[in-house]
Protein backbone atom coordinates (compact mmCIF):
# COMPACT_ATOMS: atom_id res chain seq x y z
CA MET A 1 -31.03 50.53 68.88
CA ASN A 2 -27.40 51.53 67.92
CA LEU A 3 -27.83 55.15 67.17
CA ALA A 4 -24.18 55.76 66.36
CA ARG A 5 -24.62 52.93 63.34
CA LYS A 6 -28.46 54.51 62.55
CA LEU A 7 -27.13 57.97 62.01
CA ASN A 8 -24.23 56.54 59.85
CA ASP A 9 -26.61 54.81 57.83
CA HIS A 10 -27.79 57.83 56.97
CA ILE A 11 -25.13 59.78 56.04
CA SER A 12 -23.62 57.09 53.66
CA GLY A 13 -26.69 56.43 52.54
CA GLN A 14 -26.83 52.88 53.26
CA ASN A 15 -29.94 50.72 54.54
CA SER A 16 -31.32 54.77 54.94
CA ASN A 17 -34.06 56.79 53.76
CA LEU A 18 -33.29 58.64 50.28
CA ILE A 19 -34.70 61.52 50.97
CA LEU A 20 -32.24 62.42 54.47
CA HIS A 21 -29.46 60.77 52.93
CA CYS A 22 -29.46 63.57 50.28
CA ALA A 23 -30.60 66.09 52.41
CA ILE A 24 -27.45 65.71 54.61
CA ALA A 25 -25.32 66.13 51.98
CA LYS A 26 -26.80 69.19 50.36
CA TYR A 27 -27.24 71.27 53.70
CA ALA A 28 -24.60 68.92 55.96
CA LEU A 29 -24.97 67.02 58.93
CA ASN A 30 -24.19 70.39 61.42
CA HIS A 31 -27.86 71.39 60.04
CA PHE A 32 -29.82 68.69 61.38
CA SER A 33 -30.22 68.08 65.49
CA ILE A 34 -30.71 64.83 66.92
CA TYR A 35 -33.36 64.57 69.54
CA ILE A 36 -33.96 61.15 72.00
CA LEU A 37 -37.73 61.84 72.51
CA GLU A 38 -38.28 58.80 74.45
CA LEU A 39 -36.32 55.91 76.36
CA LEU A 40 -38.31 52.63 76.23
CA PRO A 41 -37.61 51.17 79.68
CA MET A 42 -35.56 47.52 79.95
CA ASN A 43 -38.14 45.09 80.38
CA GLU A 44 -36.86 41.43 80.44
CA ASN A 45 -40.29 39.24 80.04
CA LEU A 46 -40.89 40.60 76.66
CA THR A 47 -40.72 38.33 73.81
CA SER A 48 -39.01 39.97 70.69
CA GLU A 49 -42.12 40.06 69.23
CA GLU A 50 -43.52 42.18 71.43
CA LEU A 51 -40.27 44.30 71.98
CA MET A 52 -40.70 45.15 67.80
CA VAL A 53 -44.96 46.23 69.01
CA THR A 54 -43.43 48.38 71.63
CA LEU A 55 -41.17 50.26 69.62
CA LEU A 56 -43.13 50.35 66.47
CA THR A 57 -46.08 51.93 68.22
CA MET A 58 -43.74 53.91 70.11
CA GLU A 59 -42.77 55.34 67.11
CA GLN A 60 -45.57 55.74 65.45
CA LYS A 61 -47.02 57.72 68.09
CA TYR A 62 -43.98 60.58 67.06
CA LEU A 63 -45.13 60.13 63.49
CA ASP A 64 -48.38 61.26 64.29
CA LEU A 65 -47.39 63.62 66.26
CA PHE A 66 -44.92 65.30 64.04
CA ASP A 67 -45.18 66.96 60.80
CA ASP A 68 -41.82 65.56 59.22
CA LYS A 69 -40.68 66.10 55.58
CA TYR A 70 -38.09 63.22 55.80
CA ASN A 71 -39.79 60.51 56.36
CA ILE A 72 -40.79 58.34 53.63
CA HIS A 73 -43.93 56.06 55.16
CA PRO A 74 -46.24 57.60 57.79
CA LYS A 75 -46.57 54.21 59.00
CA ALA A 76 -44.18 52.52 61.43
CA GLY A 77 -42.67 50.10 60.43
CA LYS A 78 -42.53 50.78 56.94
CA THR A 79 -39.07 51.18 54.44
CA ARG A 80 -38.62 52.37 50.99
CA LEU A 81 -38.01 48.34 50.52
CA GLY A 82 -41.35 47.83 51.02
CA GLY A 83 -40.95 46.27 54.90
């Protein structure tokens, strides 16, 4: 995942969480913090499907852990586009 591109998407509103985009626009980016909570160890033996399952599992762990008012969906992998 390209974190710089993901952040830029949120700032510009492209492929982004609309609620988070509006909050960044309203409060300015310097009022937000970005933390890397966990790194995914590279395992070259994982298939792309196994990698996606691992990433979604990691994401769900943190969605369950934090009360995040900016996340649109309570389930990992869900987007405003219904994916």
